[in-house]
Amino acid sequence: MAGWFKKSAQSEDLEQTIHQFQCVLDNSDNLIMLCDTSSDNVIFYMNKTARDVLNQHHASLNQRFRAGVDVNQAMNHTIHQFHRDPSHNRKILADLAARKMPFHSAQIPVGDVIFETKVFPIWSRQDSNKLLCFMASFKDVSAEQRARQLQEENDKRRQFLEARINELSENMQAMSATIQNVAVQTSSASESAELMLAESRKGSTIVGETSSGMKSVGTMVRHTADSLVSLGTRSETIGQIISVIKDIADQTNLLALNAAIEAARAGEMGRGFAVVADEVRKLAERTAKATQEIGEMIRMIQSEVQQNVKAIEDGRLKVDATESDFLRAEEALEAIVREINNMRDFVVQIANAAEEQAATSQDIADKLAEIVQGH
């Protein structure tokens, strides 16, 4: 055989069975060992793969097993020398022989290599109750184990990433909803700004019209003040004329008195002249009285005119101040209109940006969902 086979007191049935599996055992990539059914369970066969692997890893294997054990001397020696607890190993073989289990499997790490071992009972084909030997198969599962570990690690990473992506997607969707709400609110604010702008423009127009009206009122007040001042000046002129008339009346009264005296001296001849002089005197008295009354009336008018002029002058000053206030208010309203217009433009920009951001956030959330679904 290509493998090592120690021919001993094995039955002819066992030898025939071994020869039947010779081709398979010698060309197997797994390590194959056969041990007898004695209490020592002596190894009597190893295939080429087993010999090569034992030679390759004999140092690591010797360190793993009990002191004094050399794996290169495994043939014709008990299999239990390679186990720290031979009684445990014998129990496993006894359970296999008692058909308590079809096989036994375990993983044995040797340095960086991991072997998966399976131990089977070999039964006779002629007598199914006759145990011929035990077969131990060792398979290098290091790559599979590493691949499994990598797969598990990748699964954990994938699950972690999926959880983070789901969380991120939910956050992005929440942010998208918030941004959409901001867009709605800013759109509403934009509409409010439009209304404020329209109302401010109306207010600015009204203030402008009021300012123009106040200018007209100021002009009328100034014209009225000028007219009253002119009236006061003319009343003063009339007063001067009345004063002249009074002086004339006084002189006339004095002349009438002198004429009456001269008429009395003339006697009968001056009687007619005396009558005329008396009439002239009476007329002069009435004229003096009338001029006095007119003078008093003119003084009253002058006093009232002066009071009105002062009141109108005060009113004019207040109108001027009010007009100035209206001008400042008009300028302030114009500034407010400009600011509201700027605010409206800014709010519109925010609304547009919020809508774009909401669309972008939703697109990101959708792509994250696609990543999770298509992992």
Protein backbone atom coordinates (compact mmCIF):
# COMPACT_ATOMS: atom_id res chain seq x y z
CA MET A 1 0.00 0.00 0.00
CA ALA A 2 1.08 3.56 -0.48
CA GLY A 3 0.35 4.11 3.20
CA TRP A 4 2.08 2.36 6.06
CA PHE A 5 0.39 -0.85 7.08
CA LYS A 6 1.56 -3.07 9.90
CA LYS A 7 0.26 -6.57 9.21
CA SER A 8 -0.39 -8.30 12.49
CA ALA A 9 -3.04 -10.57 13.87
CA GLN A 10 -5.72 -8.66 12.07
CA SER A 11 -8.36 -10.82 10.59
CA GLU A 12 -8.56 -11.53 6.91
CA ASP A 13 -11.81 -9.56 6.87
CA LEU A 14 -9.99 -6.43 8.08
CA GLU A 15 -7.22 -6.87 5.53
CA GLN A 16 -9.76 -7.23 2.73
CA THR A 17 -11.58 -4.11 3.91
CA ILE A 18 -8.35 -2.10 4.04
CA HIS A 19 -7.41 -3.24 0.54
CA GLN A 20 -10.85 -2.22 -0.75
CA PHE A 21 -10.31 1.35 0.50
CA GLN A 22 -6.60 1.48 -0.36
CA CYS A 23 -6.93 3.75 -3.39
CA VAL A 24 -9.26 6.13 -1.61
CA LEU A 25 -7.24 6.31 1.60
CA ASP A 26 -3.83 6.70 -0.06
CA ASN A 27 -4.98 9.54 -2.34
CA SER A 28 -7.10 11.41 0.16
CA ASP A 29 -6.14 15.00 0.97
CA ASN A 30 -7.18 14.33 4.56
CA LEU A 31 -4.97 12.74 7.17
CA ILE A 32 -6.15 9.14 7.64
CA MET A 33 -5.11 6.91 10.54
CA LEU A 34 -6.38 3.46 11.50
CA CYS A 35 -6.06 1.94 14.97
CA ASP A 36 -7.05 -1.48 16.23
CA THR A 37 -9.76 -2.29 18.74
CA SER A 38 -7.43 -3.32 21.54
CA SER A 39 -7.34 -1.38 24.78
CA ASP A 40 -4.18 0.39 23.60
CA ASN A 41 -5.75 1.16 20.21
CA VAL A 42 -2.46 0.82 18.35
CA ILE A 43 -2.04 2.78 15.11
CA PHE A 44 -1.37 0.34 12.27
CA TYR A 45 -2.00 2.53 9.19
CA MET A 46 -1.30 6.14 8.08
CA ASN A 47 -1.75 7.48 4.54
CA LYS A 48 0.86 9.61 2.77
CA THR A 49 -0.90 12.87 3.61
CA ALA A 50 -0.74 11.99 7.31
CA ARG A 51 2.98 11.21 7.12
CA ASP A 52 3.74 14.44 5.25
CA VAL A 53 1.74 16.61 7.65
CA LEU A 54 3.25 14.96 10.72
CA ASN A 55 6.73 15.56 9.32
CA GLN A 56 5.88 19.16 8.48
CA HIS A 57 4.32 20.03 11.86
CA HIS A 58 6.11 17.56 14.10
CA ALA A 59 7.68 20.35 16.23
CA SER A 60 4.32 22.05 16.91
CA LEU A 61 2.60 18.72 17.47
CA ASN A 62 5.31 17.49 19.87
CA GLN A 63 4.91 20.69 21.92
CA ARG A 64 1.16 20.20 22.07
CA PHE A 65 1.26 16.56 23.21
CA ARG A 66 2.69 15.07 26.36
CA ALA A 67 6.42 15.25 27.05
CA GLY A 68 8.46 12.54 25.35
CA VAL A 69 5.95 11.98 22.56
CA ASP A 70 7.25 12.08 18.99
CA VAL A 71 4.62 12.15 16.26
CA ASN A 72 7.12 10.72 13.79
CA GLN A 73 7.01 7.56 15.91
CA ALA A 74 3.21 7.26 15.82
CA MET A 75 3.10 3.98 13.87
CA ASN A 76 2.80 0.84 15.96
CA HIS A 77 2.17 2.92 19.08
CA THR A 78 -0.98 3.57 21.02
CA ILE A 79 -3.08 6.46 19.89
CA HIS A 80 -3.62 7.46 23.52
CA GLN A 81 -0.06 8.79 23.86
CA PHE A 82 -1.19 11.86 21.95
CA HIS A 83 -3.95 12.71 24.43
CA ARG A 84 -3.59 14.36 27.81
CA ASP A 85 -6.60 12.40 29.09
CA PRO A 86 -6.44 8.84 27.65
CA SER A 87 -9.42 7.71 29.71
CA HIS A 88 -11.60 10.31 28.02
CA ASN A 89 -10.38 9.16 24.62
CA ARG A 90 -11.04 5.48 25.51
CA LYS A 91 -14.60 6.39 26.57
CA ILE A 92 -15.23 8.02 23.19
CA LEU A 93 -14.02 4.91 21.36
CA ALA A 94 -16.10 2.72 23.66
CA ASP A 95 -19.22 4.80 22.90
CA LEU A 96 -18.50 4.43 19.18
CA ALA A 97 -18.10 0.68 19.58
CA ALA A 98 -21.38 0.55 21.50
CA ARG A 99 -23.06 2.47 18.66
CA LYS A 100 -24.02 5.26 21.07
CA MET A 101 -23.01 7.71 18.35
CA PRO A 102 -22.12 7.25 14.67
CA PHE A 103 -18.90 9.28 14.89
CA HIS A 104 -17.01 11.72 17.06
CA SER A 105 -15.75 15.10 15.81
CA ALA A 106 -13.54 17.78 17.31
CA GLN A 107 -11.26 20.63 16.25
CA ILE A 108 -7.57 20.53 17.14
CA PRO A 109 -5.50 23.72 16.72
CA VAL A 110 -1.84 23.10 15.89
CA GLY A 111 0.05 26.36 15.65
CA ASP A 112 -1.65 28.38 12.93
CA VAL A 113 -3.35 25.27 11.56
CA ILE A 114 -6.73 23.99 12.71
CA PHE A 115 -7.57 20.33 12.08
CA GLU A 116 -11.11 19.02 12.16
CA THR A 117 -10.95 15.40 13.26
CA LYS A 118 -13.63 12.75 12.89
CA VAL A 119 -13.37 9.25 14.34
CA PHE A 120 -15.51 6.46 12.82
CA PRO A 121 -15.94 2.82 13.78
CA ILE A 122 -15.29 0.45 10.84
CA TRP A 123 -17.71 -2.50 10.84
CA SER A 124 -17.36 -5.75 8.95
CA ARG A 125 -19.32 -6.05 5.73
CA GLN A 126 -19.92 -9.75 6.41
CA ASP A 127 -20.93 -9.28 10.02
CA SER A 128 -22.39 -5.86 10.81
CA ASN A 129 -21.90 -6.45 14.53
CA LYS A 130 -18.20 -7.10 14.14
CA LEU A 131 -15.98 -4.04 14.81
CA LEU A 132 -12.85 -4.18 12.66
CA CYS A 133 -11.03 -0.98 13.67
CA PHE A 134 -11.33 2.77 14.18
CA MET A 135 -10.55 5.35 11.49
CA ALA A 136 -9.48 8.91 12.37
CA SER A 137 -9.72 11.51 9.61
CA PHE A 138 -8.01 14.88 10.01
CA LYS A 139 -8.95 17.75 7.70
CA ASP A 140 -7.19 21.14 7.57
CA VAL A 141 -10.05 23.58 8.11
CA SER A 142 -7.85 26.60 8.83
CA ALA A 143 -8.92 28.39 5.65
CA GLU A 144 -12.56 27.51 6.23
CA GLN A 145 -12.30 28.62 9.85
CA ARG A 146 -10.65 31.89 8.86
CA ALA A 147 -13.24 32.37 6.13
CA ARG A 148 -16.00 31.64 8.64
CA GLN A 149 -14.47 34.08 11.12
CA LEU A 150 -14.09 36.69 8.40
CA GLN A 151 -17.69 36.07 7.35
CA GLU A 152 -18.86 36.44 10.94
CA GLU A 153 -16.81 39.62 11.34
CA ASN A 154 -18.13 40.91 8.02
CA ASP A 155 -21.67 40.03 9.09
CA LYS A 156 -21.15 41.92 12.34
CA ARG A 157 -19.70 44.89 10.45
CA ARG A 158 -22.53 44.71 7.93
CA GLN A 159 -25.13 44.57 10.69
CA PHE A 160 -23.39 47.46 12.43
CA LEU A 161 -23.26 49.45 9.19
CA GLU A 162 -26.88 48.59 8.41
CA ALA A 163 -27.91 49.76 11.87
CA ARG A 164 -25.90 52.97 11.50
CA ILE A 165 -27.20 53.51 7.96
CA ASN A 166 -30.78 52.88 9.12
CA GLU A 167 -30.24 55.31 11.97
CA LEU A 168 -28.66 57.81 9.58
CA SER A 169 -31.50 57.30 7.12
CA GLU A 170 -34.07 57.90 9.85
CA ASN A 171 -32.16 60.99 10.97
CA MET A 172 -31.98 62.22 7.38
CA GLN A 173 -35.70 61.64 6.94
CA ALA A 174 -36.39 63.48 10.19
CA MET A 175 -34.10 66.28 9.07
CA SER A 176 -35.82 66.31 5.69
CA ALA A 177 -39.20 66.61 7.40
CA THR A 178 -37.85 69.40 9.61
CA ILE A 179 -36.39 71.21 6.62
CA GLN A 180 -39.66 70.81 4.73
CA ASN A 181 -41.43 72.29 7.75
CA VAL A 182 -38.91 75.14 7.73
CA ALA A 183 -39.60 75.61 4.02
CA VAL A 184 -43.34 75.78 4.72
CA GLN A 185 -42.79 78.21 7.59
CA THR A 186 -40.44 80.36 5.54
CA SER A 187 -42.94 80.31 2.67
CA SER A 188 -45.60 81.50 5.11
CA ALA A 189 -43.15 84.10 6.40
CA SER A 190 -42.54 85.17 2.81
CA GLU A 191 -46.28 85.63 2.29
CA SER A 192 -46.47 87.60 5.56
CA ALA A 193 -43.53 89.69 4.40
CA GLU A 194 -45.38 90.36 1.14
CA LEU A 195 -48.43 91.52 3.11
CA MET A 196 -46.24 93.62 5.41
CA LEU A 197 -44.54 95.11 2.37
CA ALA A 198 -47.90 95.96 0.79
CA GLU A 199 -49.21 97.47 4.04
CA SER A 200 -45.97 99.39 4.56
CA ARG A 201 -46.22 100.78 1.06
CA LYS A 202 -49.80 101.83 1.78
CA GLY A 203 -48.64 103.43 5.02
CA SER A 204 -45.81 105.16 3.20
CA THR A 205 -48.28 106.45 0.60
CA ILE A 206 -50.67 107.68 3.30
CA VAL A 207 -47.85 109.37 5.20
CA GLY A 208 -46.66 110.93 1.95
CA GLU A 209 -50.15 112.20 1.22
CA THR A 210 -50.50 113.45 4.82
CA SER A 211 -47.13 115.13 4.56
CA SER A 212 -48.27 116.85 1.37
CA GLY A 213 -51.49 117.88 3.14
CA MET A 214 -49.49 119.22 6.06
CA LYS A 215 -47.37 121.20 3.62
CA SER A 216 -50.56 122.68 2.16
CA VAL A 217 -51.88 123.43 5.66
CA GLY A 218 -48.55 125.04 6.53
CA THR A 219 -48.75 127.16 3.41
CA MET A 220 -52.34 128.21 4.26
CA VAL A 221 -51.38 129.00 7.87
CA ARG A 222 -48.48 131.10 6.70
CA HIS A 223 -50.74 132.92 4.24
CA THR A 224 -53.31 133.51 7.00
CA ALA A 225 -50.59 134.76 9.34
CA ASP A 226 -49.33 137.10 6.65
CA SER A 227 -52.90 138.32 6.04
CA LEU A 228 -53.47 138.97 9.75
CA VAL A 229 -50.16 140.79 9.99
CA SER A 230 -51.22 142.90 7.01
CA LEU A 231 -54.60 143.48 8.69
CA GLY A 232 -52.84 144.60 11.86
CA THR A 233 -50.69 146.98 9.84
CA ARG A 234 -53.74 148.43 8.10
CA SER A 235 -55.64 148.78 11.39
CA GLU A 236 -52.70 150.76 12.71
CA THR A 237 -52.97 153.01 9.64
CA ILE A 238 -56.71 153.40 10.24
CA GLY A 239 -55.95 154.26 13.87
CA GLN A 240 -53.60 156.95 12.70
CA ILE A 241 -56.32 158.31 10.38
CA ILE A 242 -58.86 158.24 13.23
CA SER A 243 -56.38 160.14 15.38
CA VAL A 244 -56.14 162.80 12.68
CA ILE A 245 -59.94 162.95 12.42
CA LYS A 246 -60.15 163.33 16.22
CA ASP A 247 -57.67 166.19 16.08
CA ILE A 248 -59.74 167.83 13.35
CA ALA A 249 -62.90 167.37 15.42
CA ASP A 250 -61.22 168.94 18.44
CA GLN A 251 -60.05 171.87 16.32
CA THR A 252 -63.53 172.21 14.81
CA ASN A 253 -65.10 172.19 18.27
CA LEU A 254 -62.66 174.88 19.37
CA LEU A 255 -63.40 176.99 16.29
CA ALA A 256 -67.16 176.59 16.89
CA LEU A 257 -66.68 177.80 20.45
CA ASN A 258 -64.74 180.84 19.26
CA ALA A 259 -67.41 181.52 16.61
CA ALA A 260 -70.13 181.41 19.29
CA ILE A 261 -68.20 183.92 21.39
CA GLU A 262 -67.81 186.27 18.43
CA ALA A 263 -71.52 185.87 17.55
CA ALA A 264 -72.47 186.83 21.10
CA ARG A 265 -70.39 189.96 20.79
CA ALA A 266 -72.12 190.84 17.54
CA GLY A 267 -75.49 190.82 19.24
CA GLU A 268 -78.58 190.57 17.05
CA MET A 269 -76.53 190.57 13.92
CA GLY A 270 -74.51 187.54 14.91
CA ARG A 271 -77.44 185.40 16.07
CA GLY A 272 -77.65 183.40 12.83
CA PHE A 273 -73.95 182.83 12.89
CA ALA A 274 -74.26 181.62 16.49
CA VAL A 275 -76.83 179.00 15.44
CA VAL A 276 -74.48 177.71 12.72
CA ALA A 277 -71.56 177.68 15.13
CA ASP A 278 -73.60 175.69 17.62
CA GLU A 279 -74.49 173.10 14.97
CA VAL A 280 -70.87 172.90 13.96
CA ARG A 281 -69.93 172.37 17.61
CA LYS A 282 -72.48 169.59 18.01
CA LEU A 283 -71.26 167.93 14.82
CA ALA A 284 -67.70 168.18 16.06
CA GLU A 285 -68.69 166.58 19.36
CA ARG A 286 -70.49 163.74 17.61
CA THR A 287 -67.51 163.28 15.32
CA ALA A 288 -65.15 163.23 18.29
CA LYS A 289 -67.36 160.70 20.07
CA ALA A 290 -67.60 158.53 16.95
CA THR A 291 -63.88 158.65 16.36
CA GLN A 292 -63.31 157.73 20.00
CA GLU A 293 -65.62 154.72 19.67
CA ILE A 294 -64.00 153.74 16.37
CA GLY A 295 -60.57 154.13 17.97
CA GLU A 296 -61.56 151.83 20.83
CA MET A 297 -62.92 149.31 18.36
CA ILE A 298 -59.74 149.50 16.29
CA ARG A 299 -57.63 149.01 19.43
CA MET A 300 -59.74 145.96 20.32
CA ILE A 301 -59.34 144.68 16.76
CA GLN A 302 -55.58 145.31 16.91
CA SER A 303 -55.37 143.44 20.24
CA GLU A 304 -57.32 140.50 18.85
CA VAL A 305 -55.31 140.58 15.63
CA GLN A 306 -52.09 140.51 17.62
CA GLN A 307 -53.38 137.59 19.69
CA ASN A 308 -54.46 135.77 16.53
CA VAL A 309 -51.16 136.55 14.85
CA LYS A 310 -49.31 135.14 17.87
CA ALA A 311 -51.56 132.07 17.95
CA ILE A 312 -51.18 131.53 14.22
CA GLU A 313 -47.44 132.04 14.51
CA ASP A 314 -47.33 129.41 17.25
CA GLY A 315 -49.52 127.20 15.07
CA ARG A 316 -47.24 127.78 12.12
CA LEU A 317 -44.23 126.74 14.20
CA LYS A 318 -46.09 123.61 15.29
CA VAL A 319 -47.15 122.95 11.70
CA ASP A 320 -43.53 123.35 10.62
CA ALA A 321 -42.45 120.94 13.37
CA THR A 322 -45.23 118.50 12.46
CA GLU A 323 -44.31 118.79 8.81
CA SER A 324 -40.71 118.01 9.71
CA ASP A 325 -41.88 115.03 11.79
CA PHE A 326 -43.97 113.80 8.87
CA LEU A 327 -40.97 114.12 6.59
CA ARG A 328 -38.88 112.05 9.01
CA ALA A 329 -41.74 109.56 9.37
CA GLU A 330 -41.98 109.33 5.60
CA GLU A 331 -38.24 108.71 5.34
CA ALA A 332 -38.45 106.13 8.15
CA LEU A 333 -41.34 104.36 6.43
CA GLU A 334 -39.44 104.33 3.17
CA ALA A 335 -36.49 102.78 5.01
CA ILE A 336 -38.87 100.23 6.60
CA VAL A 337 -40.29 99.41 3.19
CA ARG A 338 -36.77 98.86 1.86
CA GLU A 339 -35.86 96.64 4.84
CA ILE A 340 -39.09 94.64 4.54
CA ASN A 341 -38.42 94.22 0.84
CA ASN A 342 -34.90 93.00 1.63
CA MET A 343 -36.31 90.70 4.34
CA ARG A 344 -38.86 89.37 1.87
CA ASP A 345 -36.09 88.60 -0.62
CA PHE A 346 -34.01 86.97 2.14
CA VAL A 347 -36.94 84.86 3.34
CA VAL A 348 -37.62 83.77 -0.24
CA GLN A 349 -33.97 82.74 -0.58
CA ILE A 350 -34.20 80.79 2.69
CA ALA A 351 -37.41 79.10 1.53
CA ASN A 352 -35.82 78.13 -1.79
CA ALA A 353 -32.66 76.89 -0.05
CA ALA A 354 -34.75 74.93 2.49
CA GLU A 355 -36.72 73.27 -0.29
CA GLU A 356 -33.51 72.34 -2.12
CA GLN A 357 -31.98 71.05 1.14
CA ALA A 358 -35.13 69.03 1.90
CA ALA A 359 -34.99 67.47 -1.57
CA THR A 360 -31.28 66.69 -1.14
CA SER A 361 -31.84 65.18 2.33
CA GLN A 362 -34.70 63.05 1.04
CA ASP A 363 -32.55 61.89 -1.88
CA ILE A 364 -29.75 60.93 0.55
CA ALA A 365 -32.24 59.09 2.77
CA ASP A 366 -33.60 57.21 -0.27
CA LYS A 367 -30.09 56.24 -1.39
CA LEU A 368 -29.22 55.06 2.13
CA ALA A 369 -32.40 52.95 2.14
CA GLU A 370 -31.37 51.50 -1.25
CA ILE A 371 -27.93 50.65 0.18
CA VAL A 372 -29.53 48.84 3.13
CA GLN A 373 -31.99 46.96 0.90
CA GLY A 374 -29.41 46.03 -1.71
CA HIS A 375 -26.51 45.14 0.58
